[in-house]
Amino acid sequence: MFRTRIFWAIVLGVVTSVLIFEARTNLAFGEVGGKVLAGLVAPGARLVFAVNKPGTLLEGSTRFWSGLAIACNFLIYLFFWYACIWIVGYLRERRNPYEREATLVPPSFR
């Protein structure tokens, strides 16, 4: 279970979400830090802005929209960490490609 990519992607996604949430609520940043933090939480905010139009059913429920933004950011972090773990695993595997079974040489000639 601890060797699966999705497990570590979920763990790193949760850690990233918690760290960004804590940074937004407890830390005071300068101009550059604020821009970096705003860039990290932008995908969820953009989704909420795109879906929450005037005249919609849940127009005034801020708790729902903030929860949706956090969930969207978590999914984006999950996909990001999964891709990073997959790329690292692929590059480590390609370091010596002939150790794998799926080569072009038939097994009888090895």
N, C-alpha and C. Protein backbone atom coordinates (compact mmCIF):
# COMPACT_ATOMS: atom_id res chain seq x y z
N MET A 1 0.82 -1.19 0.00
CA MET A 1 0.00 0.00 0.00
C MET A 1 0.86 1.26 0.00
N PHE A 2 2.00 1.25 0.70
CA PHE A 2 2.83 2.43 0.77
C PHE A 2 3.67 2.63 -0.49
N ARG A 3 3.63 1.68 -1.40
CA ARG A 3 4.39 1.81 -2.63
C ARG A 3 3.55 2.31 -3.79
N THR A 4 2.28 2.54 -3.59
CA THR A 4 1.43 2.98 -4.69
C THR A 4 1.57 4.48 -4.89
N ARG A 5 1.46 4.88 -6.13
CA ARG A 5 1.58 6.30 -6.47
C ARG A 5 0.40 7.09 -5.95
N ILE A 6 -0.78 6.52 -6.05
CA ILE A 6 -1.98 7.27 -5.66
C ILE A 6 -1.99 7.53 -4.16
N PHE A 7 -1.50 6.59 -3.36
CA PHE A 7 -1.44 6.80 -1.91
C PHE A 7 -0.56 8.00 -1.58
N TRP A 8 0.64 8.04 -2.17
CA TRP A 8 1.55 9.14 -1.87
C TRP A 8 1.06 10.44 -2.49
N ALA A 9 0.37 10.37 -3.61
CA ALA A 9 -0.21 11.58 -4.18
C ALA A 9 -1.28 12.15 -3.26
N ILE A 10 -2.11 11.27 -2.68
CA ILE A 10 -3.13 11.74 -1.74
C ILE A 10 -2.49 12.34 -0.50
N VAL A 11 -1.47 11.66 0.03
CA VAL A 11 -0.79 12.18 1.23
C VAL A 11 -0.16 13.54 0.94
N LEU A 12 0.56 13.66 -0.17
CA LEU A 12 1.19 14.93 -0.50
C LEU A 12 0.17 16.01 -0.86
N GLY A 13 -0.96 15.63 -1.46
CA GLY A 13 -2.02 16.59 -1.74
C GLY A 13 -2.64 17.13 -0.47
N VAL A 14 -2.87 16.26 0.51
CA VAL A 14 -3.41 16.71 1.80
C VAL A 14 -2.41 17.62 2.51
N VAL A 15 -1.14 17.23 2.51
CA VAL A 15 -0.11 18.06 3.16
C VAL A 15 -0.01 19.42 2.48
N THR A 16 -0.04 19.45 1.16
CA THR A 16 0.02 20.71 0.43
C THR A 16 -1.20 21.57 0.75
N SER A 17 -2.38 20.98 0.77
CA SER A 17 -3.58 21.74 1.07
C SER A 17 -3.54 22.32 2.48
N VAL A 18 -3.10 21.52 3.44
CA VAL A 18 -3.03 21.99 4.83
C VAL A 18 -1.99 23.10 4.97
N LEU A 19 -0.84 22.94 4.34
CA LEU A 19 0.19 23.97 4.42
C LEU A 19 -0.26 25.28 3.79
N ILE A 20 -0.93 25.21 2.67
CA ILE A 20 -1.41 26.43 2.02
C ILE A 20 -2.51 27.07 2.84
N PHE A 21 -3.40 26.27 3.41
CA PHE A 21 -4.46 26.81 4.26
C PHE A 21 -3.86 27.51 5.48
N GLU A 22 -2.89 26.87 6.12
CA GLU A 22 -2.25 27.48 7.28
C GLU A 22 -1.48 28.74 6.90
N ALA A 23 -0.84 28.73 5.74
CA ALA A 23 -0.10 29.90 5.30
C ALA A 23 -1.03 31.07 5.03
N ARG A 24 -2.20 30.78 4.46
CA ARG A 24 -3.16 31.87 4.19
C ARG A 24 -3.74 32.44 5.46
N THR A 25 -3.92 31.62 6.47
CA THR A 25 -4.58 32.11 7.68
C THR A 25 -3.62 32.65 8.72
N ASN A 26 -2.40 32.16 8.80
CA ASN A 26 -1.52 32.52 9.91
C ASN A 26 -0.30 33.35 9.53
N LEU A 27 0.13 33.32 8.30
CA LEU A 27 1.36 34.01 7.93
C LEU A 27 1.07 35.31 7.20
N ALA A 28 1.92 36.28 7.44
CA ALA A 28 1.84 37.55 6.72
C ALA A 28 2.99 37.58 5.72
N PHE A 29 2.66 37.70 4.45
CA PHE A 29 3.67 37.70 3.40
C PHE A 29 3.85 39.10 2.86
N GLY A 30 4.96 39.29 2.20
CA GLY A 30 5.19 40.53 1.47
C GLY A 30 4.49 40.44 0.12
N GLU A 31 4.93 41.28 -0.79
CA GLU A 31 4.29 41.33 -2.11
C GLU A 31 4.52 40.05 -2.91
N VAL A 32 5.74 39.54 -2.90
CA VAL A 32 6.06 38.33 -3.68
C VAL A 32 5.40 37.10 -3.07
N GLY A 33 5.45 36.95 -1.76
CA GLY A 33 4.82 35.81 -1.11
C GLY A 33 3.32 35.78 -1.30
N GLY A 34 2.70 36.95 -1.27
CA GLY A 34 1.26 37.02 -1.52
C GLY A 34 0.90 36.61 -2.93
N LYS A 35 1.74 36.99 -3.89
CA LYS A 35 1.48 36.61 -5.28
C LYS A 35 1.65 35.12 -5.49
N VAL A 36 2.67 34.53 -4.86
CA VAL A 36 2.88 33.09 -4.98
C VAL A 36 1.72 32.33 -4.37
N LEU A 37 1.29 32.75 -3.19
CA LEU A 37 0.16 32.08 -2.53
C LEU A 37 -1.13 32.26 -3.31
N ALA A 38 -1.34 33.44 -3.87
CA ALA A 38 -2.52 33.66 -4.70
C ALA A 38 -2.49 32.79 -5.96
N GLY A 39 -1.31 32.56 -6.49
CA GLY A 39 -1.19 31.68 -7.66
C GLY A 39 -1.47 30.24 -7.33
N LEU A 40 -1.14 29.82 -6.11
CA LEU A 40 -1.40 28.43 -5.72
C LEU A 40 -2.87 28.15 -5.46
N VAL A 41 -3.62 29.16 -5.04
CA VAL A 41 -5.04 28.94 -4.75
C VAL A 41 -5.93 29.45 -5.88
N ALA A 42 -5.35 29.92 -6.97
CA ALA A 42 -6.12 30.47 -8.08
C ALA A 42 -7.02 29.46 -8.79
N PRO A 43 -6.63 28.20 -9.00
CA PRO A 43 -7.52 27.30 -9.75
C PRO A 43 -8.88 27.11 -9.10
N GLY A 44 -8.92 26.93 -7.80
CA GLY A 44 -10.20 26.77 -7.12
C GLY A 44 -11.03 28.03 -7.19
N ALA A 45 -10.37 29.18 -7.04
CA ALA A 45 -11.09 30.46 -7.11
C ALA A 45 -11.65 30.70 -8.51
N ARG A 46 -10.90 30.31 -9.52
CA ARG A 46 -11.40 30.48 -10.89
C ARG A 46 -12.60 29.59 -11.17
N LEU A 47 -12.59 28.37 -10.65
CA LEU A 47 -13.74 27.49 -10.83
C LEU A 47 -14.97 28.07 -10.14
N VAL A 48 -14.81 28.54 -8.93
CA VAL A 48 -15.94 29.11 -8.20
C VAL A 48 -16.47 30.36 -8.92
N PHE A 49 -15.57 31.18 -9.41
CA PHE A 49 -16.00 32.37 -10.14
C PHE A 49 -16.74 32.00 -11.41
N ALA A 50 -16.31 30.94 -12.09
CA ALA A 50 -16.96 30.53 -13.33
C ALA A 50 -18.34 29.93 -13.09
N VAL A 51 -18.51 29.22 -11.97
CA VAL A 51 -19.77 28.53 -11.70
C VAL A 51 -20.75 29.43 -10.95
N ASN A 52 -20.27 30.27 -10.07
CA ASN A 52 -21.12 31.09 -9.21
C ASN A 52 -21.47 32.40 -9.92
N LYS A 53 -22.44 32.35 -10.79
CA LYS A 53 -22.92 33.52 -11.52
C LYS A 53 -24.12 34.13 -10.79
N PRO A 54 -24.37 35.40 -10.98
CA PRO A 54 -25.57 35.99 -10.36
C PRO A 54 -26.85 35.32 -10.86
N GLY A 55 -27.74 35.06 -9.93
CA GLY A 55 -29.00 34.42 -10.27
C GLY A 55 -28.98 32.91 -10.14
N THR A 56 -27.89 32.32 -9.73
CA THR A 56 -27.84 30.87 -9.54
C THR A 56 -28.49 30.50 -8.22
N LEU A 57 -28.73 29.24 -8.04
CA LEU A 57 -29.44 28.75 -6.86
C LEU A 57 -28.64 28.96 -5.57
N LEU A 58 -27.36 28.70 -5.61
CA LEU A 58 -26.52 28.82 -4.42
C LEU A 58 -25.66 30.08 -4.47
N GLU A 59 -26.23 31.18 -4.88
CA GLU A 59 -25.46 32.40 -5.08
C GLU A 59 -24.88 32.95 -3.77
N GLY A 60 -25.59 32.87 -2.68
CA GLY A 60 -25.13 33.50 -1.46
C GLY A 60 -24.46 32.58 -0.46
N SER A 61 -24.36 31.30 -0.73
CA SER A 61 -23.79 30.38 0.25
C SER A 61 -22.27 30.34 0.13
N THR A 62 -21.59 31.15 0.93
CA THR A 62 -20.14 31.27 0.84
C THR A 62 -19.43 30.03 1.36
N ARG A 63 -20.01 29.35 2.33
CA ARG A 63 -19.38 28.14 2.85
C ARG A 63 -19.28 27.05 1.78
N PHE A 64 -20.33 26.90 1.01
CA PHE A 64 -20.33 25.91 -0.07
C PHE A 64 -19.26 26.24 -1.11
N TRP A 65 -19.20 27.50 -1.52
CA TRP A 65 -18.26 27.89 -2.57
C TRP A 65 -16.81 27.84 -2.09
N SER A 66 -16.58 28.18 -0.82
CA SER A 66 -15.21 28.06 -0.32
C SER A 66 -14.80 26.60 -0.19
N GLY A 67 -15.74 25.74 0.21
CA GLY A 67 -15.46 24.30 0.26
C GLY A 67 -15.19 23.73 -1.12
N LEU A 68 -15.94 24.19 -2.11
CA LEU A 68 -15.72 23.75 -3.49
C LEU A 68 -14.36 24.22 -4.00
N ALA A 69 -13.96 25.42 -3.65
CA ALA A 69 -12.64 25.92 -4.07
C ALA A 69 -11.53 25.10 -3.43
N ILE A 70 -11.67 24.76 -2.15
CA ILE A 70 -10.66 23.95 -1.47
C ILE A 70 -10.60 22.55 -2.08
N ALA A 71 -11.76 21.96 -2.37
CA ALA A 71 -11.79 20.62 -2.98
C ALA A 71 -11.17 20.64 -4.38
N CYS A 72 -11.43 21.68 -5.14
CA CYS A 72 -10.84 21.79 -6.48
C CYS A 72 -9.32 21.93 -6.39
N ASN A 73 -8.85 22.74 -5.46
CA ASN A 73 -7.40 22.89 -5.28
C ASN A 73 -6.78 21.56 -4.84
N PHE A 74 -7.45 20.83 -3.95
CA PHE A 74 -6.94 19.53 -3.53
C PHE A 74 -6.81 18.58 -4.71
N LEU A 75 -7.80 18.53 -5.58
CA LEU A 75 -7.73 17.65 -6.74
C LEU A 75 -6.60 18.05 -7.68
N ILE A 76 -6.39 19.33 -7.83
CA ILE A 76 -5.30 19.79 -8.69
C ILE A 76 -3.95 19.41 -8.08
N TYR A 77 -3.81 19.57 -6.76
CA TYR A 77 -2.57 19.16 -6.09
C TYR A 77 -2.39 17.65 -6.19
N LEU A 78 -3.46 16.91 -6.09
CA LEU A 78 -3.40 15.45 -6.21
C LEU A 78 -2.88 15.04 -7.58
N PHE A 79 -3.43 15.62 -8.64
CA PHE A 79 -2.97 15.31 -9.99
C PHE A 79 -1.52 15.76 -10.20
N PHE A 80 -1.15 16.91 -9.63
CA PHE A 80 0.22 17.39 -9.77
C PHE A 80 1.19 16.43 -9.11
N TRP A 81 0.93 16.01 -7.88
CA TRP A 81 1.85 15.10 -7.19
C TRP A 81 1.87 13.73 -7.84
N TYR A 82 0.72 13.26 -8.34
CA TYR A 82 0.70 11.98 -9.04
C TYR A 82 1.58 12.04 -10.29
N ALA A 83 1.48 13.13 -11.04
CA ALA A 83 2.30 13.28 -12.24
C ALA A 83 3.78 13.35 -11.88
N CYS A 84 4.12 14.07 -10.83
CA CYS A 84 5.52 14.16 -10.40
C CYS A 84 6.06 12.79 -10.00
N ILE A 85 5.29 12.04 -9.23
CA ILE A 85 5.72 10.71 -8.80
C ILE A 85 5.83 9.78 -10.00
N TRP A 86 4.91 9.88 -10.94
CA TRP A 86 4.96 9.04 -12.13
C TRP A 86 6.20 9.37 -12.96
N ILE A 87 6.51 10.65 -13.13
CA ILE A 87 7.68 11.05 -13.91
C ILE A 87 8.97 10.56 -13.25
N VAL A 88 9.07 10.71 -11.94
CA VAL A 88 10.26 10.24 -11.24
C VAL A 88 10.39 8.72 -11.36
N GLY A 89 9.29 7.99 -11.21
CA GLY A 89 9.33 6.54 -11.38
C GLY A 89 9.71 6.13 -12.78
N TYR A 90 9.20 6.84 -13.77
CA TYR A 90 9.54 6.54 -15.16
C TYR A 90 11.01 6.80 -15.43
N LEU A 91 11.54 7.91 -14.94
CA LEU A 91 12.94 8.22 -15.17
C LEU A 91 13.86 7.25 -14.44
N ARG A 92 13.48 6.82 -13.25
CA ARG A 92 14.29 5.83 -12.54
C ARG A 92 14.26 4.48 -13.26
N GLU A 93 13.11 4.16 -13.84
CA GLU A 93 12.99 2.90 -14.57
C GLU A 93 13.77 2.95 -15.87
N ARG A 94 13.82 4.09 -16.50
CA ARG A 94 14.52 4.23 -17.78
C ARG A 94 16.03 4.35 -17.60
N ARG A 95 16.50 4.44 -16.36
CA ARG A 95 17.94 4.53 -16.14
C ARG A 95 18.62 3.28 -16.68
N ASN A 96 18.03 2.13 -16.46
CA ASN A 96 18.54 0.88 -17.00
C ASN A 96 17.36 0.13 -17.61
N PRO A 97 17.02 0.42 -18.86
CA PRO A 97 15.79 -0.14 -19.43
C PRO A 97 15.84 -1.64 -19.70
N TYR A 98 17.01 -2.24 -19.70
CA TYR A 98 17.10 -3.66 -20.02
C TYR A 98 16.87 -4.56 -18.82
N GLU A 99 16.60 -4.00 -17.67
CA GLU A 99 16.25 -4.81 -16.50
C GLU A 99 14.77 -5.21 -16.53
N ARG A 100 14.01 -4.53 -17.35
CA ARG A 100 12.58 -4.86 -17.46
C ARG A 100 12.38 -6.05 -18.39
N GLU A 101 11.22 -6.66 -18.29
CA GLU A 101 10.91 -7.81 -19.15
C GLU A 101 10.45 -7.38 -20.54
N ALA A 102 9.86 -6.24 -20.67
CA ALA A 102 9.28 -5.83 -21.95
C ALA A 102 10.35 -5.19 -22.83
N THR A 103 11.23 -5.97 -23.38
CA THR A 103 12.23 -5.48 -24.33
C THR A 103 11.97 -6.10 -25.69
N LEU A 104 12.72 -5.66 -26.66
CA LEU A 104 12.53 -6.18 -28.02
C LEU A 104 13.26 -7.49 -28.25
N VAL A 105 14.12 -7.88 -27.32
CA VAL A 105 14.88 -9.13 -27.47
C VAL A 105 14.03 -10.27 -26.94
N PRO A 106 13.85 -11.34 -27.70
CA PRO A 106 13.07 -12.47 -27.21
C PRO A 106 13.74 -13.12 -26.00
N PRO A 107 12.98 -13.73 -25.10
CA PRO A 107 13.57 -14.32 -23.90
C PRO A 107 14.54 -15.46 -24.20
N SER A 108 14.45 -16.11 -25.34
CA SER A 108 15.34 -17.24 -25.63
C SER A 108 16.77 -16.81 -25.94
N PHE A 109 16.99 -15.55 -26.32
CA PHE A 109 18.31 -15.07 -26.66
C PHE A 109 19.02 -14.36 -25.51
N ARG A 110 18.45 -14.31 -24.36
CA ARG A 110 19.07 -13.60 -23.25
C ARG A 110 20.08 -14.41 -22.56
